[in-house]
């Protein structure tokens, strides 16, 4: 007769073995990725960063409460296309030649076309003809020589999905040409400019029209949720790149009315709404009801996708990232938001133009409600997501990115990296001046290409960049200038050029 204790021991051993095997399988199971990218959303526009924000963002607050919030995350450029390029390539826009929004002046379709650039010819017409320097030439296609983030994950059998704003080239250089299996709405336009704009019919060749009046951010969230449901049993990368909150400023009527009432209840002193940062007035107070409605609608769309992860049982196995492509629109085109205490906004090299909201939730890794104050930038997502999902690095591709997985595991971890750089050799539509930037530790140097002398700030002491310390710290300026010059040479950054047709005294930026 068998010893009953032996039988029990054997059963427990088998059960333990099966449990270990199951746990090992779970550990090896690929992580999914949901990457949210907002458009023109400022650092101070979300409640996790600004509890006093005029805009309600409860779903982003929940994401922050269950993940990690970064206080010093940066876009690689103060305008959209270059930052979008940097995320997908892991390279600075200066290196990829994608330095301005696609559709701006001095744009070329390829490197071969760019080589034909003649500043004498380009400066004869257009809005920059009366300016003393011409913006640098650049390429308006995401070059197919790059292995994009989506292509990298496709090699590991990920299903890949894109929804929303692309703005990285004309047809032939759309999401489906760069590794995305599905493309819902990604074309060459920088905003929802077809049909009824933010409402159906959309007039978008990559997004079928919905019922009349359907709201675009909700539709994009629905498409993303459907993709998650269809692919819940395989690894996936879902990239929801909102058109929100880019112009045109159009909101859901019910939400617009909500914020009109909220503004009326606050009774804002209208004399304090705007300030001035030469050459533009700048919004100092958040009270734009239409913009507020757009922000909340985007937040609701984020909530719908997060709920889809829960409903399909993949929330615990999905890394979620929320980011924005440049700072909030505070000095032009409707003066939609305030980035205070950050200076200026979209199109400027000050913090208001490049510091972004970043929330990351990696279940079982990021500590719920944690904060990280270490600077990271948009080129870092490529190597970070590869490492976080156990995929090999592509160092020759994401050459300008540094994985911040160590920070996700511990926000106070040692994180060694080179200084951060920006190169925006263009006149911002919003009033910014062409220039390049280095941030090294707490020090930030802005090297302008026209009129202004270099500006030096200590961001730990002066987040609003009010006090230029260049005169007090000439040695620091010299040191940072040398590093910036060396970096520009290393990436072969294209500078602006003297306008050979300019005559007279240039008085306005």
Protein backbone atom coordinates (compact mmCIF):
# COMPACT_ATOMS: atom_id res chain seq x y z
CA UNK A 1 0.00 0.00 0.00
CA UNK A 2 1.29 3.46 -0.98
CA UNK A 3 2.24 5.80 1.79
CA UNK A 4 -0.43 8.58 1.74
CA UNK A 5 2.18 11.08 2.91
CA UNK A 6 4.33 10.16 -0.12
CA UNK A 7 1.35 10.73 -2.43
CA UNK A 8 0.66 14.09 -0.88
CA UNK A 9 4.34 15.06 -1.11
CA UNK A 10 4.47 13.98 -4.74
CA UNK A 11 1.33 15.96 -5.55
CA UNK A 12 2.72 19.06 -3.87
CA UNK A 13 6.00 18.65 -5.76
CA UNK A 14 4.17 18.37 -9.09
CA UNK A 15 2.01 21.37 -8.21
CA UNK A 16 5.07 23.38 -7.23
CA UNK A 17 6.78 22.44 -10.47
CA UNK A 18 3.77 23.46 -12.51
CA UNK A 19 3.57 26.73 -10.59
CA UNK A 20 7.26 27.43 -11.25
CA UNK A 21 6.79 26.62 -14.92
CA UNK A 22 3.75 28.90 -15.10
CA UNK A 23 5.63 31.72 -13.36
CA UNK A 24 8.59 31.30 -15.69
CA UNK A 25 6.26 31.43 -18.68
CA UNK A 26 4.69 34.62 -17.36
CA UNK A 27 8.11 36.17 -16.85
CA UNK A 28 9.08 35.33 -20.42
CA UNK A 29 5.81 36.56 -21.86
CA UNK A 30 6.37 39.60 -24.07
CA UNK A 31 5.30 42.99 -22.76
CA UNK A 32 2.79 44.97 -24.79
CA UNK A 33 3.24 48.69 -25.36
CA UNK A 34 0.69 51.48 -25.58
CA UNK A 35 2.30 54.78 -26.50
CA UNK A 36 0.16 57.93 -26.27
CA UNK A 37 1.54 61.03 -28.00
CA UNK A 38 -0.33 64.31 -27.57
CA UNK A 39 0.14 67.25 -29.92
CA UNK A 40 0.95 70.73 -28.57
CA UNK A 41 0.07 69.73 -25.01
CA UNK A 42 2.05 71.73 -22.46
CA UNK A 43 3.76 70.43 -19.34
CA UNK A 44 1.38 72.41 -17.12
CA UNK A 45 -1.77 71.31 -18.96
CA UNK A 46 -2.29 68.08 -17.01
CA UNK A 47 -3.31 67.82 -13.38
CA UNK A 48 -0.52 65.40 -12.37
CA UNK A 49 1.95 68.22 -13.11
CA UNK A 50 -0.34 71.07 -12.15
CA UNK A 51 -3.08 70.35 -9.59
CA UNK A 52 -4.39 73.88 -10.21
CA UNK A 53 -4.76 73.31 -13.95
CA UNK A 54 -7.90 74.80 -15.50
CA UNK A 55 -8.30 71.54 -17.44
CA UNK A 56 -9.69 68.34 -15.96
CA UNK A 57 -7.55 65.26 -16.70
CA UNK A 58 -8.70 62.54 -14.29
CA UNK A 59 -7.56 59.61 -16.44
CA UNK A 60 -4.06 61.00 -16.75
CA UNK A 61 -4.13 61.55 -12.99
CA UNK A 62 -5.02 57.89 -12.53
CA UNK A 63 -2.19 56.91 -14.84
CA UNK A 64 0.23 58.99 -12.78
CA UNK A 65 -1.13 57.52 -9.57
CA UNK A 66 -0.46 53.99 -10.84
CA UNK A 67 2.86 54.73 -12.54
CA UNK A 68 5.79 57.13 -12.61
CA UNK A 69 5.68 60.85 -13.39
CA UNK A 70 8.72 62.58 -14.88
CA UNK A 71 9.26 66.24 -14.02
CA UNK A 72 12.07 66.92 -16.50
CA UNK A 73 11.17 65.12 -19.72
CA UNK A 74 11.99 66.84 -22.98
CA UNK A 75 10.98 66.85 -26.62
CA UNK A 76 13.91 66.93 -29.04
CA UNK A 77 12.43 70.00 -30.73
CA UNK A 78 9.95 72.79 -29.91
CA UNK A 79 7.78 71.82 -32.90
CA UNK A 80 6.08 68.58 -33.87
CA UNK A 81 7.59 66.65 -36.81
CA UNK A 82 11.19 66.67 -35.54
CA UNK A 83 10.15 65.29 -32.14
CA UNK A 84 8.00 62.63 -33.80
CA UNK A 85 10.98 61.63 -35.92
CA UNK A 86 13.21 61.44 -32.84
CA UNK A 87 10.84 59.04 -31.06
CA UNK A 88 10.64 56.65 -34.00
CA UNK A 89 14.36 56.77 -34.88
CA UNK A 90 16.11 57.32 -31.54
CA UNK A 91 18.12 60.10 -33.20
CA UNK A 92 18.30 63.85 -32.83
CA UNK A 93 16.52 65.78 -35.60
CA UNK A 94 19.81 67.47 -36.49
CA UNK A 95 21.24 64.07 -37.38
CA UNK A 96 18.22 62.90 -39.41
CA UNK A 97 17.85 66.34 -41.07
CA UNK A 98 14.24 66.57 -39.84
CA UNK A 99 14.73 69.85 -37.97
CA UNK A 100 11.48 71.73 -38.67
CA UNK A 101 7.79 70.86 -38.94
CA UNK A 102 7.16 69.16 -42.27
CA UNK A 103 5.77 71.84 -44.56
CA UNK A 104 7.79 74.81 -43.36
CA UNK A 105 10.15 76.92 -45.53
CA UNK A 106 13.28 75.47 -47.15
CA UNK A 107 11.87 71.94 -47.09
CA UNK A 108 13.18 69.14 -49.33
CA UNK A 109 11.92 65.62 -49.93
CA UNK A 110 15.27 63.86 -49.78
CA UNK A 111 18.93 64.22 -48.94
CA UNK A 112 19.66 64.43 -52.67
CA UNK A 113 17.25 67.34 -53.06
CA UNK A 114 18.68 69.05 -50.01
CA UNK A 115 22.13 69.06 -51.59
CA UNK A 116 20.73 71.34 -54.31
CA UNK A 117 19.79 74.02 -51.77
CA UNK A 118 20.78 77.52 -52.87
CA UNK A 119 20.28 80.20 -50.18
CA UNK A 120 20.37 82.93 -52.83
CA UNK A 121 17.34 81.47 -54.54
CA UNK A 122 15.44 80.41 -51.43
CA UNK A 123 15.62 83.87 -49.88
CA UNK A 124 14.00 85.73 -52.77
CA UNK A 125 10.41 85.00 -51.75
CA UNK A 126 8.33 83.98 -48.79
CA UNK A 127 7.95 85.28 -45.26
CA UNK A 128 11.67 85.04 -44.53
CA UNK A 129 12.73 87.20 -47.48
CA UNK A 130 12.80 90.25 -45.22
CA UNK A 131 14.85 88.59 -42.52
CA UNK A 132 18.65 88.80 -42.29
CA UNK A 133 19.15 85.05 -41.97
CA UNK A 134 17.45 82.20 -43.75
CA UNK A 135 16.25 79.10 -41.86
CA UNK A 136 18.26 75.95 -42.46
CA UNK A 137 17.15 73.52 -45.17
CA UNK A 138 15.78 70.20 -43.98
CA UNK A 139 14.15 66.96 -45.19
CA UNK A 140 10.38 66.40 -44.98
CA UNK A 141 10.34 62.62 -45.17
CA UNK A 142 11.24 60.02 -42.58
CA UNK A 143 14.06 58.33 -44.46
CA UNK A 144 13.46 54.65 -45.18
CA UNK A 145 17.05 53.83 -44.27
CA UNK A 146 16.02 54.02 -40.61
CA UNK A 147 14.77 51.05 -38.65
CA UNK A 148 11.86 52.66 -36.85
CA UNK A 149 10.57 51.71 -33.42
CA UNK A 150 7.67 49.90 -35.09
CA UNK A 151 9.96 47.99 -37.46
CA UNK A 152 12.16 46.95 -34.56
CA UNK A 153 9.20 45.39 -32.76
CA UNK A 154 7.84 43.79 -35.92
CA UNK A 155 11.04 41.76 -36.15
CA UNK A 156 10.00 40.27 -32.80
CA UNK A 157 6.52 39.34 -34.09
CA UNK A 158 4.68 42.26 -32.55
CA UNK A 159 1.41 43.40 -34.08
CA UNK A 160 1.85 47.13 -34.73
CA UNK A 161 -0.85 49.79 -34.86
CA UNK A 162 -0.89 53.53 -35.52
CA UNK A 163 -3.75 55.97 -35.05
CA UNK A 164 -3.91 59.75 -35.43
CA UNK A 165 -1.39 62.34 -36.51
CA UNK A 166 1.67 61.24 -38.50
CA UNK A 167 3.10 64.37 -40.18
CA UNK A 168 6.31 62.59 -41.20
CA UNK A 169 6.06 62.66 -44.96
CA UNK A 170 3.78 62.40 -47.93
CA UNK A 171 2.14 59.23 -49.24
CA UNK A 172 4.85 56.62 -49.56
CA UNK A 173 6.21 57.73 -46.20
CA UNK A 174 3.14 57.05 -44.05
CA UNK A 175 2.90 54.73 -41.04
CA UNK A 176 2.35 51.61 -43.14
CA UNK A 177 5.62 52.41 -44.92
CA UNK A 178 7.55 52.46 -41.65
CA UNK A 179 6.51 49.30 -39.84
CA UNK A 180 2.92 49.78 -38.76
CA UNK A 181 0.51 47.01 -39.78
CA UNK A 182 -2.53 49.25 -39.38
CA UNK A 183 -2.85 52.99 -39.98
CA UNK A 184 -5.94 54.84 -38.82
CA UNK A 185 -5.66 58.49 -39.77
CA UNK A 186 -1.91 58.98 -40.23
CA UNK A 187 -1.15 61.13 -43.29
CA UNK A 188 1.06 64.12 -44.15
CA UNK A 189 -1.17 66.77 -42.55
CA UNK A 190 -0.15 68.46 -39.34
CA UNK A 191 -3.73 68.82 -38.12
CA UNK A 192 -7.24 67.55 -38.80
CA UNK A 193 -7.80 69.91 -41.71
CA UNK A 194 -10.21 67.88 -43.84
CA UNK A 195 -13.99 67.64 -43.65
CA UNK A 196 -15.40 68.91 -40.35
CA UNK A 197 -11.96 68.96 -38.75
CA UNK A 198 -12.36 67.30 -35.32
CA UNK A 199 -15.74 65.86 -36.24
CA UNK A 200 -16.87 63.35 -38.85
CA UNK A 201 -16.87 63.42 -41.82
CA UNK A 202 -13.08 63.77 -41.51
CA UNK A 203 -11.97 63.94 -45.14
CA UNK A 204 -8.98 61.75 -44.26
CA UNK A 205 -7.88 59.09 -46.78
CA UNK A 206 -6.66 56.83 -43.97
CA UNK A 207 -9.68 57.11 -41.68
CA UNK A 208 -13.14 56.05 -42.74
CA UNK A 209 -15.85 58.56 -41.83
CA UNK A 210 -18.00 57.71 -38.86
CA UNK A 211 -21.52 58.90 -38.06
CA UNK A 212 -22.00 62.61 -38.68
CA UNK A 213 -20.61 64.52 -35.71
CA UNK A 214 -18.48 61.67 -34.33
CA UNK A 215 -15.61 63.16 -32.33
CA UNK A 216 -12.09 62.44 -33.62
CA UNK A 217 -10.24 61.74 -30.34
CA UNK A 218 -12.95 59.31 -29.25
CA UNK A 219 -12.87 57.60 -32.65
CA UNK A 220 -9.10 57.16 -32.48
CA UNK A 221 -9.45 55.69 -28.99
CA UNK A 222 -12.13 53.29 -30.24
CA UNK A 223 -9.87 52.12 -33.07
CA UNK A 224 -7.06 51.57 -30.58
CA UNK A 225 -9.34 49.68 -28.20
CA UNK A 226 -10.50 47.44 -31.05
CA UNK A 227 -6.91 46.69 -31.98
CA UNK A 228 -6.12 45.71 -28.39
CA UNK A 229 -9.12 43.38 -28.28
CA UNK A 230 -8.14 41.72 -31.56
CA UNK A 231 -4.51 41.26 -30.52
CA UNK A 232 -4.80 40.54 -26.81
CA UNK A 233 -3.33 37.05 -27.25
CA UNK A 234 -0.15 38.23 -28.98
CA UNK A 235 2.42 40.96 -28.25
CA UNK A 236 1.50 44.36 -29.64
CA UNK A 237 2.63 47.95 -30.02
CA UNK A 238 -0.27 50.42 -30.14
CA UNK A 239 0.81 53.99 -30.95
CA UNK A 240 -2.02 56.50 -30.46
CA UNK A 241 -0.75 59.81 -31.73
CA UNK A 242 -3.49 62.35 -31.06
CA UNK A 243 -4.27 65.24 -33.37
CA UNK A 244 -5.41 66.85 -30.13
CA UNK A 245 -4.77 69.52 -28.99
CA UNK A 246 -3.39 71.06 -32.18
CA UNK A 247 -5.25 73.83 -33.99
CA UNK A 248 -7.93 74.32 -35.23
CA UNK A 249 -9.26 75.06 -31.76
CA UNK A 250 -12.59 73.24 -31.83
CA UNK A 251 -14.16 71.48 -28.86
CA UNK A 252 -17.12 69.29 -28.05
CA UNK A 253 -20.00 71.76 -27.43
CA UNK A 254 -20.99 70.25 -24.08
CA UNK A 255 -17.43 70.45 -22.80
CA UNK A 256 -16.98 73.99 -24.10
CA UNK A 257 -20.06 75.05 -22.14
CA UNK A 258 -18.69 73.32 -19.04
CA UNK A 259 -15.51 75.39 -19.15
CA UNK A 260 -17.25 78.63 -20.01
CA UNK A 261 -19.19 78.18 -16.79
CA UNK A 262 -16.03 77.27 -14.90
CA UNK A 263 -14.28 80.39 -16.18
CA UNK A 264 -17.21 82.58 -15.20
CA UNK A 265 -17.20 81.13 -11.69
CA UNK A 266 -13.49 81.83 -11.23
CA UNK A 267 -13.85 85.50 -12.22
CA UNK A 268 -10.38 85.90 -13.69
CA UNK A 269 -8.74 89.34 -13.75
CA UNK A 270 -8.52 89.91 -17.50
CA UNK A 271 -5.68 92.43 -17.07
CA UNK A 272 -3.41 89.61 -15.86
CA UNK A 273 -4.14 87.03 -18.56
CA UNK A 274 -1.33 88.13 -20.90
CA UNK A 275 2.28 89.21 -20.57
CA UNK A 276 4.94 89.90 -23.17
CA UNK A 277 8.05 88.03 -24.32
CA UNK A 278 9.54 89.96 -27.24
CA UNK A 279 8.26 89.82 -29.96
CA UNK A 280 4.98 88.23 -28.81
CA UNK A 281 2.37 88.55 -26.13
CA UNK A 282 2.23 85.39 -24.05
CA UNK A 283 -0.65 83.84 -22.14
CA UNK A 284 -0.03 83.71 -18.39
CA UNK A 285 -3.33 82.25 -17.16
CA UNK A 286 -5.21 79.14 -18.28
CA UNK A 287 -8.83 80.04 -19.05
CA UNK A 288 -9.45 79.13 -22.71
CA UNK A 289 -12.75 77.21 -22.65
CA UNK A 290 -12.41 75.64 -26.11
CA UNK A 291 -8.87 74.47 -25.47
CA UNK A 292 -9.95 73.11 -22.09
CA UNK A 293 -12.65 71.09 -23.81
CA UNK A 294 -10.06 69.67 -26.20
CA UNK A 295 -7.75 68.67 -23.35
CA UNK A 296 -10.53 66.91 -21.45
CA UNK A 297 -11.73 65.09 -24.59
CA UNK A 298 -8.20 63.80 -25.12
CA UNK A 299 -8.08 62.67 -21.49
CA UNK A 300 -11.37 60.81 -21.97
CA UNK A 301 -9.88 59.07 -25.00
CA UNK A 302 -6.88 57.98 -22.93
CA UNK A 303 -9.30 56.60 -20.36
CA UNK A 304 -11.12 54.56 -23.01
CA UNK A 305 -7.89 52.89 -24.11
CA UNK A 306 -6.76 52.21 -20.55
CA UNK A 307 -10.14 50.61 -19.87
CA UNK A 308 -9.70 48.43 -22.95
CA UNK A 309 -6.48 47.09 -21.45
CA UNK A 310 -8.39 46.15 -18.30
CA UNK A 311 -11.36 44.67 -20.16
CA UNK A 312 -9.11 42.45 -22.27
CA UNK A 313 -6.97 41.23 -19.39
CA UNK A 314 -3.70 42.73 -20.60
CA UNK A 315 -3.30 45.77 -18.33
CA UNK A 316 -0.81 43.96 -16.10
CA UNK A 317 1.34 43.06 -19.08
CA UNK A 318 1.35 46.39 -20.89
CA UNK A 319 3.79 49.27 -20.60
CA UNK A 320 1.92 52.57 -21.01
CA UNK A 321 3.65 55.81 -22.01
CA UNK A 322 2.05 59.25 -22.24
CA UNK A 323 4.06 62.11 -23.79
CA UNK A 324 3.68 65.30 -25.85
CA UNK A 325 5.59 66.44 -28.93
CA UNK A 326 6.30 70.06 -27.91
CA UNK A 327 5.22 72.74 -25.49
CA UNK A 328 1.81 74.36 -25.21
CA UNK A 329 0.70 77.04 -27.66
CA UNK A 330 1.05 80.22 -25.58
CA UNK A 331 2.31 82.92 -27.97
CA UNK A 332 0.35 82.49 -31.20
CA UNK A 333 -2.55 80.91 -33.09
CA UNK A 334 -5.22 81.46 -30.49
CA UNK A 335 -2.93 81.75 -27.46
CA UNK A 336 -4.53 78.55 -26.22
CA UNK A 337 -2.74 77.86 -22.94
CA UNK A 338 -0.30 79.08 -20.33
CA UNK A 339 2.89 77.19 -19.52
CA UNK A 340 3.70 79.28 -16.45
CA UNK A 341 6.05 79.09 -14.61
CA UNK A 342 7.83 77.76 -17.72
CA UNK A 343 8.84 80.48 -20.14
CA UNK A 344 7.21 80.88 -23.57
CA UNK A 345 5.88 77.83 -25.42
CA UNK A 346 5.68 76.00 -28.72
CA UNK A 347 8.28 77.18 -31.24
CA UNK A 348 10.64 78.54 -28.56
CA UNK A 349 13.78 77.00 -27.08
CA UNK A 350 12.84 78.04 -23.56
CA UNK A 351 11.42 75.41 -21.19
CA UNK A 352 7.83 76.17 -22.17
CA UNK A 353 8.61 74.97 -25.67
CA UNK A 354 10.48 71.75 -24.92
CA UNK A 355 9.63 70.43 -21.42
CA UNK A 356 6.85 67.84 -21.72
CA UNK A 357 4.45 65.81 -19.62
CA UNK A 358 5.70 62.21 -19.34
CA UNK A 359 3.90 59.43 -17.50
CA UNK A 360 5.04 55.79 -17.61
CA UNK A 361 3.32 52.78 -16.10
CA UNK A 362 5.19 49.48 -16.18
CA UNK A 363 3.20 47.07 -14.00
CA UNK A 364 5.32 45.35 -11.41
CA UNK A 365 8.23 47.69 -12.06
CA UNK A 366 7.32 51.35 -11.71
CA UNK A 367 6.26 52.28 -8.21
CA UNK A 368 2.70 53.58 -8.07
CA UNK A 369 2.56 57.34 -7.65
CA UNK A 370 6.33 57.76 -7.95
CA UNK A 371 8.18 60.77 -9.36
CA UNK A 372 11.46 61.01 -11.23
CA UNK A 373 13.33 64.32 -11.48
CA UNK A 374 16.11 63.07 -13.77
CA UNK A 375 16.11 64.63 -17.27
CA UNK A 376 15.20 62.33 -20.18
CA UNK A 377 14.41 63.14 -23.80
CA UNK A 378 12.39 61.80 -26.71
CA UNK A 379 15.30 59.95 -28.34
CA UNK A 380 15.42 57.76 -25.22
CA UNK A 381 12.12 55.96 -25.81
CA UNK A 382 13.52 53.65 -28.50
CA UNK A 383 16.25 51.96 -26.41
CA UNK A 384 14.13 52.13 -23.25
CA UNK A 385 11.22 50.20 -24.72
CA UNK A 386 13.52 47.63 -26.29
CA UNK A 387 15.27 46.97 -22.99
CA UNK A 388 12.04 47.00 -20.99
CA UNK A 389 10.59 44.25 -23.20
CA UNK A 390 13.79 42.20 -23.24
CA UNK A 391 14.65 42.95 -26.86
CA UNK A 392 18.23 43.52 -28.06
CA UNK A 393 19.44 47.05 -28.55
CA UNK A 394 19.92 48.56 -32.03
CA UNK A 395 22.75 50.86 -31.08
CA UNK A 396 23.56 51.97 -34.61
CA UNK A 397 19.95 53.11 -35.01
CA UNK A 398 19.05 54.73 -31.67
CA UNK A 399 22.49 56.29 -31.47
CA UNK A 400 21.27 59.42 -29.64
CA UNK A 401 19.01 57.63 -27.18
CA UNK A 402 19.83 56.31 -23.73
CA UNK A 403 17.69 53.69 -22.02
CA UNK A 404 16.18 54.94 -18.77
CA UNK A 405 14.96 51.53 -17.60
CA UNK A 406 17.02 51.99 -14.42
CA UNK A 407 14.96 55.08 -13.62
CA UNK A 408 11.71 53.20 -14.17
CA UNK A 409 12.87 50.61 -11.67
CA UNK A 410 14.00 53.26 -9.20
CA UNK A 411 13.44 56.95 -9.87
CA UNK A 412 16.48 57.82 -7.77
CA UNK A 413 18.82 55.44 -9.60
CA UNK A 414 22.15 56.59 -10.95
CA UNK A 415 21.63 57.53 -14.59
CA UNK A 416 24.75 58.39 -16.53
CA UNK A 417 24.33 60.11 -19.87
CA UNK A 418 25.78 62.82 -22.05
CA UNK A 419 24.30 66.34 -22.02
CA UNK A 420 21.03 66.97 -23.85
CA UNK A 421 21.03 68.96 -27.09
CA UNK A 422 18.59 70.83 -29.32
CA UNK A 423 19.10 72.37 -32.75
CA UNK A 424 16.29 74.49 -34.13
CA UNK A 425 17.81 76.62 -36.88
CA UNK A 426 14.44 78.04 -37.86
CA UNK A 427 12.19 80.98 -37.11
CA UNK A 428 9.34 79.63 -35.04
CA UNK A 429 5.89 80.55 -36.31
CA UNK A 430 5.16 81.34 -32.68
CA UNK A 431 7.96 83.91 -32.28
CA UNK A 432 10.99 81.80 -31.42
CA UNK A 433 14.47 82.64 -32.70
CA UNK A 434 16.78 80.16 -34.50
CA UNK A 435 19.25 78.64 -32.07
CA UNK A 436 20.86 75.61 -30.49
CA UNK A 437 20.81 74.48 -26.86
CA UNK A 438 22.81 72.34 -24.48
CA UNK A 439 21.62 71.22 -21.08
CA UNK A 440 24.38 69.79 -18.89
CA UNK A 441 23.31 69.03 -15.34
CA UNK A 442 21.29 72.00 -14.11
CA UNK A 443 22.93 74.36 -16.58
CA UNK A 444 21.29 75.35 -19.86
CA UNK A 445 22.94 77.45 -22.56
CA UNK A 446 21.00 78.84 -25.52
CA UNK A 447 23.13 79.88 -28.47
CA UNK A 448 20.98 82.10 -30.70
CA UNK A 449 21.84 82.56 -34.36
CA UNK A 450 20.63 86.14 -34.53
CA UNK A 451 20.52 89.28 -32.43
CA UNK A 452 20.62 87.80 -28.95
CA UNK A 453 23.80 87.03 -27.05
CA UNK A 454 24.07 83.56 -25.49
CA UNK A 455 21.79 82.97 -22.52
CA UNK A 456 22.79 80.86 -19.54
CA UNK A 457 20.37 79.59 -16.92
CA UNK A 458 20.55 77.41 -13.84
CA UNK A 459 17.28 75.51 -14.07
CA UNK A 460 17.47 74.24 -10.50
CA UNK A 461 17.31 77.83 -9.26
CA UNK A 462 15.48 79.53 -12.13
CA UNK A 463 12.95 77.28 -13.83
CA UNK A 464 11.34 80.36 -15.44
CA UNK A 465 14.60 81.39 -17.15
CA UNK A 466 14.32 84.98 -15.98
CA UNK A 467 17.95 85.64 -15.06
CA UNK A 468 20.62 85.30 -17.73
CA UNK A 469 23.81 84.30 -15.90
CA UNK A 470 26.11 84.42 -18.92
CA UNK A 471 27.83 87.60 -17.71
CA UNK A 472 28.45 86.18 -14.24
CA UNK A 473 29.75 82.80 -15.40
CA UNK A 474 31.88 83.31 -18.53
CA UNK A 475 33.85 80.13 -17.88
CA UNK A 476 30.65 78.08 -17.77
CA UNK A 477 29.50 79.69 -21.01
CA UNK A 478 32.83 78.86 -22.64
CA UNK A 479 32.69 75.25 -21.44
CA UNK A 480 29.11 74.67 -22.59
CA UNK A 481 29.68 76.48 -25.87
CA UNK A 482 32.61 74.19 -26.64
CA UNK A 483 30.49 71.09 -25.92
CA UNK A 484 27.64 72.44 -28.03
CA UNK A 485 29.96 73.24 -30.92
CA UNK A 486 31.49 69.77 -30.74
CA UNK A 487 28.04 68.16 -30.78
CA UNK A 488 26.87 70.23 -33.76
CA UNK A 489 29.97 69.16 -35.64
CA UNK A 490 29.47 65.51 -34.68
CA UNK A 491 25.93 65.39 -36.12
CA UNK A 492 26.78 67.76 -38.98
CA UNK A 493 23.99 70.12 -37.92
CA UNK A 494 22.95 72.50 -40.69
CA UNK A 495 22.97 76.14 -39.53
CA UNK A 496 20.85 78.95 -40.94
CA UNK A 497 22.48 81.11 -43.60
CA UNK A 498 22.98 84.80 -44.18
CA UNK A 499 20.28 86.22 -46.44
CA UNK A 500 22.21 87.57 -49.45
CA UNK A 501 19.17 89.53 -50.60
CA UNK A 502 18.54 91.28 -47.30
CA UNK A 503 18.82 95.05 -47.35
CA UNK A 504 18.32 97.50 -44.54
CA UNK A 505 18.27 97.21 -40.79
CA UNK A 506 16.51 94.24 -39.29
CA UNK A 507 14.42 95.51 -36.39
CA UNK A 508 11.94 92.74 -35.70
CA UNK A 509 12.57 89.08 -35.02
